[in-house]
């Protein structure tokens, strides 16, 4: 390899390390802001982009998956003694 090719590879690797570090920070920010149920739905994803795309598929209003989730929540709802009917 020529000197310029080595420089390009070195610069690429340095930028990749920066990207991976920032992506890890973004994953931490996203997952610490979630409740346990939502976190369990996205925990198999590694990158912030993959987590974000999964969150979009779950919570986007036109999503069929979101409708299924809401229907399950509706049928599993139980009135707590402290809930008011009025």
Foldseek 3Di string as FASTA:
>chain_A
DDPVVVVVVVVVVVVVVVVVVVQVVLVVVVLVVDDPVLCVQQVVDDGNVSSVVSVCLCPPPVHPNVVVVVVVCVVPDDDDPPDDPD
